[in-house]
Amino acid sequence: MTIRVGFVGLGNQGKPIAAHLAPAGLETTVYDVVRAPVDELAAGGARAAASLRELGERADVVGVCVPEDDDVRAVVRGRGGEEGLLAGLAPGSVVLVHSTVLPDTVVELAEAAAGQGVEVLDACVTGGAARAQKRQITWLVGGPAAVLERVRPYLEATSEVPVVHAGALGNGARLKLCINLVTYVQWAAAYESMALARAIGLPQEVLEEAGRANGQLTDLMLTYLATHKVPDEVRHSDGFQQLMRGHMAIAEKDLAAALRLAREAGVALPVGSLVSQSMARLYGVEDEWRR
């Protein structure tokens, strides 16, 4: 059976994911508060929706890729008098939450949607924008296996990597926070190794060559280290600082969520806690109060 798909949130991560849907032969509708990416995907075969309700009316499966928990709530349930997806979705529809959010947020939305016969899965994404363009992202999905099978055409249209079914609803979000913790701790290790190498006169390229040779520096860590090769005049520019500040805000949000889960579970994360306080330094954000 052919499914109609929709996508909300065409930012750095969302747009390259959504761009694969229409070319895969899926009837696709997209929505974003910024018009330019909507027009770009419409030129590639998608339809543009004027509202979240309209998108809901045109889709059986909707992916949501917006920054914060409150943003996801607003997209699904509406906010400030504006209708959300639930105003248009028919019974049997499925909402896929791609955003990195707390598990409780997904459960809350699933309970709200259940009254309309709408399913919610946490289908978190890991891999970044570059892998999204190549259909190499990994989906981390929480929720019933039967619902996962219904949305598999959507997931397989956007990635060639096998889907990871994490189990019950909320486990996709839990798994994503665990994976992100690994990522940011890796970056801290890469940063400190680079800082030491530079301070004692070792070129960064030699450190990277050695790290590649023995497998200790992953591709992701090398991509991160590349940001520290940018010329100083670029690193100090307003545009670069704005970009890095945005990445820093996402990282701090994700680590705060991981630490919250740890507190609730009674687990100490001393390294994660230290890393969470170091994101301005790791991203090269020029904020003397946070470095």
Protein backbone atom coordinates (compact mmCIF):
# COMPACT_ATOMS: atom_id res chain seq x y z
CA MET A 1 0.00 0.00 0.00
CA THR A 2 1.31 3.44 -0.92
CA ILE A 3 1.42 5.89 1.98
CA ARG A 4 1.18 9.64 1.85
CA VAL A 5 3.96 11.29 3.81
CA GLY A 6 4.53 14.69 5.34
CA PHE A 7 7.48 16.46 6.93
CA VAL A 8 7.70 19.39 9.34
CA GLY A 9 10.99 21.15 10.10
CA LEU A 10 13.23 21.68 7.08
CA GLY A 11 16.36 22.84 8.86
CA ASN A 12 19.95 21.60 8.71
CA GLN A 13 18.95 18.04 9.60
CA GLY A 14 15.36 17.90 8.39
CA LYS A 15 15.71 19.19 4.84
CA PRO A 16 18.16 16.54 3.57
CA ILE A 17 15.98 13.81 5.11
CA ALA A 18 12.76 15.14 3.59
CA ALA A 19 14.46 15.64 0.21
CA HIS A 20 14.52 11.85 -0.36
CA LEU A 21 10.78 11.27 0.09
CA ALA A 22 9.28 12.57 -3.17
CA PRO A 23 12.08 11.11 -5.37
CA ALA A 24 11.31 7.72 -3.78
CA GLY A 25 7.82 7.91 -5.29
CA LEU A 26 6.02 8.84 -2.09
CA GLU A 27 3.31 11.50 -2.26
CA THR A 28 4.98 14.14 -0.09
CA THR A 29 3.80 17.34 1.61
CA VAL A 30 6.16 19.61 3.55
CA TYR A 31 5.83 22.54 5.94
CA ASP A 32 8.20 24.97 7.63
CA VAL A 33 7.93 28.47 9.05
CA VAL A 34 10.77 29.46 6.69
CA ARG A 35 9.62 29.51 3.07
CA ALA A 36 12.90 28.94 1.18
CA PRO A 37 13.40 25.21 2.01
CA VAL A 38 9.70 24.56 1.35
CA ASP A 39 10.04 26.05 -2.14
CA GLU A 40 13.24 24.08 -2.73
CA LEU A 41 11.59 20.74 -1.94
CA ALA A 42 8.46 21.70 -3.85
CA ALA A 43 10.67 22.14 -6.90
CA GLY A 44 11.82 18.55 -6.31
CA GLY A 45 8.34 17.07 -6.36
CA ALA A 46 6.89 17.75 -2.90
CA ARG A 47 3.74 19.77 -2.21
CA ALA A 48 3.83 22.80 0.07
CA ALA A 49 1.31 23.01 2.91
CA ALA A 50 0.10 26.39 4.15
CA SER A 51 -0.52 25.11 7.69
CA LEU A 52 0.11 22.18 9.99
CA ARG A 53 -3.56 21.21 9.76
CA GLU A 54 -3.36 21.08 5.97
CA LEU A 55 -0.25 18.94 6.11
CA GLY A 56 -1.99 16.57 8.54
CA GLU A 57 -4.94 16.26 6.19
CA ARG A 58 -2.64 15.27 3.31
CA ALA A 59 -0.48 12.70 5.12
CA ASP A 60 -0.70 9.24 6.65
CA VAL A 61 2.81 9.45 8.14
CA VAL A 62 4.40 12.71 9.27
CA GLY A 63 8.01 13.26 10.31
CA VAL A 64 8.67 16.06 12.80
CA CYS A 65 12.21 17.47 13.03
CA VAL A 66 12.15 20.67 15.11
CA PRO A 67 14.62 21.76 17.82
CA GLU A 68 13.02 21.61 21.28
CA ASP A 69 10.48 19.58 23.24
CA ASP A 70 8.08 22.55 23.31
CA ASP A 71 8.46 22.94 19.54
CA VAL A 72 7.45 19.32 19.03
CA ARG A 73 4.43 19.81 21.31
CA ALA A 74 3.43 22.90 19.35
CA VAL A 75 3.70 21.10 16.01
CA VAL A 76 1.63 18.14 17.14
CA ARG A 77 -0.94 19.77 19.45
CA GLY A 78 -0.87 23.43 18.42
CA ARG A 79 0.08 26.53 20.38
CA GLY A 80 -1.17 30.07 20.89
CA GLY A 81 -4.41 29.52 19.04
CA GLU A 82 -2.71 27.91 16.05
CA GLU A 83 -3.75 24.36 15.19
CA GLY A 84 -1.26 21.52 15.13
CA LEU A 85 -1.05 18.29 13.17
CA LEU A 86 -3.74 16.61 15.28
CA ALA A 87 -6.29 19.05 13.87
CA GLY A 88 -5.86 17.43 10.46
CA LEU A 89 -4.61 13.88 10.98
CA ALA A 90 -7.08 11.05 10.41
CA PRO A 91 -7.37 7.95 12.62
CA GLY A 92 -4.66 5.46 11.72
CA SER A 93 -2.10 8.14 10.94
CA VAL A 94 1.37 8.05 12.50
CA VAL A 95 3.57 10.89 13.78
CA LEU A 96 7.31 10.21 13.84
CA VAL A 97 9.22 12.40 16.29
CA HIS A 98 12.73 12.81 14.88
CA SER A 99 13.80 15.52 17.35
CA THR A 100 16.08 14.74 20.27
CA VAL A 101 13.61 15.08 23.15
CA LEU A 102 12.90 13.63 26.56
CA PRO A 103 11.13 10.25 26.54
CA ASP A 104 8.33 11.76 28.65
CA THR A 105 7.57 14.20 25.83
CA VAL A 106 6.98 11.37 23.37
CA VAL A 107 4.77 9.48 25.82
CA GLU A 108 2.77 12.65 26.55
CA LEU A 109 2.14 13.26 22.85
CA ALA A 110 1.27 9.62 22.23
CA GLU A 111 -1.37 9.78 24.96
CA ALA A 112 -2.82 12.97 23.48
CA ALA A 113 -2.88 11.51 19.96
CA ALA A 114 -4.40 8.20 21.04
CA GLY A 115 -7.76 9.91 21.63
CA GLN A 116 -7.94 10.54 17.87
CA GLY A 117 -6.67 7.11 16.87
CA VAL A 118 -3.30 8.57 15.87
CA GLU A 119 -0.04 6.75 16.73
CA VAL A 120 3.22 8.41 17.80
CA LEU A 121 6.69 6.84 17.54
CA ASP A 122 9.99 8.29 18.65
CA ALA A 123 12.00 7.83 15.47
CA CYS A 124 15.17 9.67 16.44
CA VAL A 125 17.87 10.23 13.87
CA THR A 126 21.63 10.00 14.25
CA GLY A 127 24.33 10.65 11.69
CA GLY A 128 24.08 14.34 10.86
CA ALA A 129 23.22 16.33 7.76
CA ALA A 130 26.04 14.98 5.60
CA ARG A 131 24.93 11.38 6.12
CA ALA A 132 21.31 12.40 5.64
CA GLN A 133 22.18 13.64 2.15
CA LYS A 134 23.71 10.23 1.35
CA ARG A 135 20.84 8.24 2.91
CA GLN A 136 23.24 6.97 5.57
CA ILE A 137 21.51 8.11 8.75
CA THR A 138 20.43 5.63 11.43
CA TRP A 139 16.86 5.57 12.72
CA LEU A 140 16.44 4.77 16.43
CA VAL A 141 12.78 3.87 16.87
CA GLY A 142 10.70 3.34 19.99
CA GLY A 143 7.16 1.99 19.89
CA PRO A 144 5.10 -1.02 18.76
CA ALA A 145 6.70 -3.22 16.11
CA ALA A 146 3.46 -3.31 14.12
CA VAL A 147 3.41 0.48 13.80
CA LEU A 148 7.08 0.48 12.83
CA GLU A 149 6.28 -1.86 9.94
CA ARG A 150 3.58 0.52 8.71
CA VAL A 151 6.05 3.40 8.45
CA ARG A 152 8.99 1.37 7.13
CA PRO A 153 8.55 2.68 3.52
CA TYR A 154 9.14 6.21 4.85
CA LEU A 155 12.21 5.17 6.85
CA GLU A 156 13.70 3.12 4.02
CA ALA A 157 13.17 5.95 1.54
CA THR A 158 15.38 8.18 3.69
CA SER A 159 18.17 5.77 4.64
CA GLU A 160 19.86 2.59 3.45
CA VAL A 161 21.05 1.80 7.00
CA PRO A 162 18.99 -0.84 8.87
CA VAL A 163 16.50 0.62 11.35
CA VAL A 164 17.29 0.05 15.04
CA HIS A 165 14.11 -0.88 16.93
CA ALA A 166 14.92 0.15 20.51
CA GLY A 167 11.78 -1.35 22.02
CA ALA A 168 8.93 0.39 23.81
CA LEU A 169 7.76 3.93 23.18
CA GLY A 170 10.33 6.37 24.55
CA ASN A 171 13.28 4.04 24.07
CA GLY A 172 14.25 5.69 20.79
CA ALA A 173 14.66 8.97 22.66
CA ARG A 174 16.54 7.27 25.48
CA LEU A 175 18.90 5.58 23.02
CA LYS A 176 19.53 8.84 21.14
CA LEU A 177 20.55 10.61 24.35
CA CYS A 178 22.96 7.77 25.18
CA ILE A 179 24.48 7.96 21.69
CA ASN A 180 24.80 11.75 21.91
CA LEU A 181 26.61 11.40 25.22
CA VAL A 182 29.21 9.23 23.47
CA THR A 183 29.53 11.83 20.70
CA TYR A 184 30.19 14.81 22.93
CA VAL A 185 32.57 12.93 25.22
CA GLN A 186 34.50 11.89 22.08
CA TRP A 187 34.70 15.50 20.98
CA ALA A 188 36.04 16.56 24.35
CA ALA A 189 38.73 13.88 24.12
CA ALA A 190 39.63 14.97 20.58
CA TYR A 191 39.75 18.64 21.60
CA GLU A 192 42.01 18.08 24.59
CA SER A 193 44.34 15.82 22.60
CA MET A 194 44.54 18.49 19.88
CA ALA A 195 45.17 21.25 22.44
CA LEU A 196 48.01 19.27 24.03
CA ALA A 197 49.55 18.41 20.67
CA ARG A 198 49.55 22.04 19.58
CA ALA A 199 50.96 23.22 22.91
CA ILE A 200 53.94 20.85 22.71
CA GLY A 201 54.69 21.55 19.07
CA LEU A 202 53.03 18.64 17.30
CA PRO A 203 51.11 19.51 14.12
CA GLN A 204 47.41 18.66 14.24
CA GLU A 205 47.80 16.71 10.99
CA VAL A 206 50.34 14.37 12.64
CA LEU A 207 47.95 13.73 15.53
CA GLU A 208 45.17 12.94 13.06
CA GLU A 209 47.40 10.63 11.02
CA ALA A 210 48.32 8.66 14.14
CA GLY A 211 44.71 8.58 15.36
CA ARG A 212 43.48 7.29 12.00
CA ALA A 213 46.23 4.67 11.87
CA ASN A 214 45.41 3.13 15.24
CA GLY A 215 41.64 3.65 15.02
CA GLN A 216 41.31 5.92 18.04
CA LEU A 217 40.15 8.95 16.05
CA THR A 218 36.83 8.13 14.40
CA ASP A 219 35.51 9.79 11.24
CA LEU A 220 33.15 11.84 13.42
CA MET A 221 36.03 13.04 15.62
CA LEU A 222 38.07 13.98 12.55
CA THR A 223 35.13 15.95 11.17
CA TYR A 224 34.92 17.77 14.48
CA LEU A 225 38.67 18.50 14.53
CA ALA A 226 38.40 20.00 11.02
CA THR A 227 36.43 22.92 12.51
CA HIS A 228 39.58 23.87 14.45
CA LYS A 229 41.58 24.23 11.23
CA VAL A 230 39.46 27.14 10.07
CA PRO A 231 41.55 30.35 9.83
CA ASP A 232 41.34 32.63 12.86
CA GLU A 233 39.75 35.46 10.90
CA VAL A 234 36.91 33.12 9.93
CA ARG A 235 36.58 31.63 13.43
CA HIS A 236 36.21 35.13 14.90
CA SER A 237 33.66 36.23 12.29
CA ASP A 238 30.06 36.86 13.28
CA GLY A 239 28.76 34.22 10.87
CA PHE A 240 31.01 31.46 12.19
CA GLN A 241 30.32 32.40 15.78
CA GLN A 242 26.58 32.34 15.17
CA LEU A 243 26.82 28.90 13.55
CA MET A 244 28.90 27.48 16.40
CA ARG A 245 26.66 29.06 19.03
CA GLY A 246 23.68 27.27 17.47
CA HIS A 247 25.51 23.92 17.58
CA MET A 248 26.56 24.63 21.16
CA ALA A 249 22.97 25.32 22.24
CA ILE A 250 21.81 21.99 20.79
CA ALA A 251 24.65 20.12 22.46
CA GLU A 252 23.98 21.72 25.84
CA LYS A 253 20.28 20.90 25.52
CA ASP A 254 20.97 17.27 24.67
CA LEU A 255 23.50 16.82 27.46
CA ALA A 256 21.13 18.42 29.97
CA ALA A 257 18.50 15.88 28.96
CA ALA A 258 20.99 13.00 29.34
CA LEU A 259 21.98 14.23 32.80
CA ARG A 260 18.33 14.52 33.76
CA LEU A 261 17.74 10.91 32.76
CA ALA A 262 20.81 9.90 34.77
CA ARG A 263 19.52 11.65 37.88
CA GLU A 264 16.14 9.97 37.53
CA ALA A 265 17.85 6.59 37.11
CA GLY A 266 20.25 7.14 40.01
CA VAL A 267 23.34 6.95 37.80
CA ALA A 268 26.35 9.27 38.12
CA LEU A 269 27.79 10.72 34.89
CA PRO A 270 30.82 12.72 36.14
CA VAL A 271 32.51 12.89 32.73
CA GLY A 272 29.29 13.84 30.96
CA SER A 273 28.68 16.56 33.54
CA LEU A 274 32.12 18.08 32.97
CA VAL A 275 31.71 17.92 29.19
CA SER A 276 28.32 19.63 29.44
CA GLN A 277 30.04 22.63 31.01
CA SER A 278 32.70 22.78 28.29
CA MET A 279 30.68 23.13 25.11
CA ALA A 280 31.61 26.76 24.47
CA ARG A 281 35.28 25.78 24.56
CA LEU A 282 34.73 22.73 22.35
CA TYR A 283 32.85 24.75 19.73
CA GLY A 284 35.18 27.73 19.92
CA VAL A 285 32.39 30.08 20.98
CA GLU A 286 33.80 33.38 22.20
CA ASP A 287 32.00 33.76 25.51
CA GLU A 288 34.41 34.39 28.39
CA TRP A 289 31.79 33.47 30.97
CA ARG A 290 31.26 29.98 29.53
CA ARG A 291 34.82 28.96 28.62
